[in-house]
Amino acid sequence: MVVGCQGPETVGYHEDVKPILDGRCVNCHQRGGVAPFDLDGYDNAALMADAIAASTDARQMPPWGAV
């Protein structure tokens, strides 16, 4: 089971991760956006998985305190 989560042991990109990224990240993390890399697809998000985990665990995103 994922630490801190209740529910299924399997986390799926399209079912679980993509809705979070679309709702909270892709506004800036898209081609031409203000963020330095894209998170608009599985391949892009997978490349940044460790950075995403570290930034969200540290509550550093968004970096300027935007809501």
C-alpha atoms as a PDB file:
ATOM      1  CA  MET A   1       0.000   0.000   0.000  1.00  0.00           C
ATOM      2  CA  VAL A   2       1.134   3.547  -0.694  1.00  0.00           C
ATOM      3  CA  VAL A   3       2.280   5.253   2.505  1.00  0.00           C
ATOM      4  CA  GLY A   4      -0.276   7.749   3.773  1.00  0.00           C
ATOM      5  CA  CYS A   5      -3.009   6.506   1.426  1.00  0.00           C
ATOM      6  CA  GLN A   6      -5.994   4.327   1.989  1.00  0.00           C
ATOM      7  CA  GLY A   7      -7.349   2.264  -0.833  1.00  0.00           C
ATOM      8  CA  PRO A   8      -6.010   0.066  -3.594  1.00  0.00           C
ATOM      9  CA  GLU A   9      -2.384  -1.007  -3.530  1.00  0.00           C
ATOM     10  CA  THR A  10      -1.934  -0.175  -7.209  1.00  0.00           C
ATOM     11  CA  VAL A  11      -1.680   3.412  -8.366  1.00  0.00           C
ATOM     12  CA  GLY A  12      -2.358   3.973 -12.049  1.00  0.00           C
ATOM     13  CA  TYR A  13      -1.138   6.942 -14.036  1.00  0.00           C
ATOM     14  CA  HIS A  14      -4.336   7.667 -15.969  1.00  0.00           C
ATOM     15  CA  GLU A  15      -6.688   6.917 -13.083  1.00  0.00           C
ATOM     16  CA  ASP A  16      -4.777   8.427 -10.173  1.00  0.00           C
ATOM     17  CA  VAL A  17      -1.792  10.576 -11.138  1.00  0.00           C
ATOM     18  CA  LYS A  18      -2.901  12.372 -14.318  1.00  0.00           C
ATOM     19  CA  PRO A  19      -5.957  14.017 -12.706  1.00  0.00           C
ATOM     20  CA  ILE A  20      -3.713  15.475  -9.980  1.00  0.00           C
ATOM     21  CA  LEU A  21      -1.112  16.710 -12.444  1.00  0.00           C
ATOM     22  CA  ASP A  22      -3.796  18.159 -14.726  1.00  0.00           C
ATOM     23  CA  GLY A  23      -5.511  19.917 -11.845  1.00  0.00           C
ATOM     24  CA  ARG A  24      -2.457  21.227 -10.021  1.00  0.00           C
ATOM     25  CA  CYS A  25       0.654  21.160 -12.201  1.00  0.00           C
ATOM     26  CA  VAL A  26       0.091  21.221 -15.951  1.00  0.00           C
ATOM     27  CA  ASN A  27      -1.151  24.806 -15.898  1.00  0.00           C
ATOM     28  CA  CYS A  28       2.507  25.865 -15.524  1.00  0.00           C
ATOM     29  CA  HIS A  29       4.292  22.607 -16.417  1.00  0.00           C
ATOM     30  CA  GLN A  30       3.377  22.473 -20.094  1.00  0.00           C
ATOM     31  CA  ARG A  31       5.166  23.264 -23.332  1.00  0.00           C
ATOM     32  CA  GLY A  32       5.554  27.046 -23.400  1.00  0.00           C
ATOM     33  CA  GLY A  33       4.542  27.398 -19.743  1.00  0.00           C
ATOM     34  CA  VAL A  34       6.452  29.225 -17.037  1.00  0.00           C
ATOM     35  CA  ALA A  35       7.851  26.034 -15.488  1.00  0.00           C
ATOM     36  CA  PRO A  36      11.150  24.601 -16.779  1.00  0.00           C
ATOM     37  CA  PHE A  37       9.753  21.188 -17.837  1.00  0.00           C
ATOM     38  CA  ASP A  38       6.539  19.583 -19.111  1.00  0.00           C
ATOM     39  CA  LEU A  39       4.313  17.286 -17.074  1.00  0.00           C
ATOM     40  CA  ASP A  40       1.640  16.925 -19.738  1.00  0.00           C
ATOM     41  CA  GLY A  41       2.046  13.216 -20.415  1.00  0.00           C
ATOM     42  CA  TYR A  42       3.138   9.955 -18.847  1.00  0.00           C
ATOM     43  CA  ASP A  43       6.614   9.967 -20.393  1.00  0.00           C
ATOM     44  CA  ASN A  44       7.362  13.495 -19.183  1.00  0.00           C
ATOM     45  CA  ALA A  45       5.958  12.841 -15.719  1.00  0.00           C
ATOM     46  CA  ALA A  46       7.823   9.538 -15.393  1.00  0.00           C
ATOM     47  CA  LEU A  47      11.131  11.262 -16.142  1.00  0.00           C
ATOM     48  CA  MET A  48      10.452  13.733 -13.316  1.00  0.00           C
ATOM     49  CA  ALA A  49       8.892  11.284 -10.824  1.00  0.00           C
ATOM     50  CA  ASP A  50      11.648  11.609  -8.219  1.00  0.00           C
ATOM     51  CA  ALA A  51      11.642  15.417  -8.434  1.00  0.00           C
ATOM     52  CA  ILE A  52       7.840  15.501  -8.227  1.00  0.00           C
ATOM     53  CA  ALA A  53       7.883  13.296  -5.126  1.00  0.00           C
ATOM     54  CA  ALA A  54      10.611  15.338  -3.434  1.00  0.00           C
ATOM     55  CA  SER A  55       8.962  18.692  -4.197  1.00  0.00           C
ATOM     56  CA  THR A  56       5.521  17.637  -3.080  1.00  0.00           C
ATOM     57  CA  ASP A  57       6.803  15.868   0.044  1.00  0.00           C
ATOM     58  CA  ALA A  58       8.657  19.059   0.983  1.00  0.00           C
ATOM     59  CA  ARG A  59       5.587  21.124   0.040  1.00  0.00           C
ATOM     60  CA  GLN A  60       7.727  23.309  -2.235  1.00  0.00           C
ATOM     61  CA  MET A  61       5.242  23.383  -5.088  1.00  0.00           C
ATOM     62  CA  PRO A  62       4.111  25.805  -6.172  1.00  0.00           C
ATOM     63  CA  PRO A  63       7.297  27.635  -5.261  1.00  0.00           C
ATOM     64  CA  TRP A  64       5.815  31.071  -4.652  1.00  0.00           C
ATOM     65  CA  GLY A  65       2.977  30.046  -2.355  1.00  0.00           C
ATOM     66  CA  ALA A  66       0.258  30.194  -4.996  1.00  0.00           C
ATOM     67  CA  VAL A  67      -2.954  28.411  -4.122  1.00  0.00           C
END
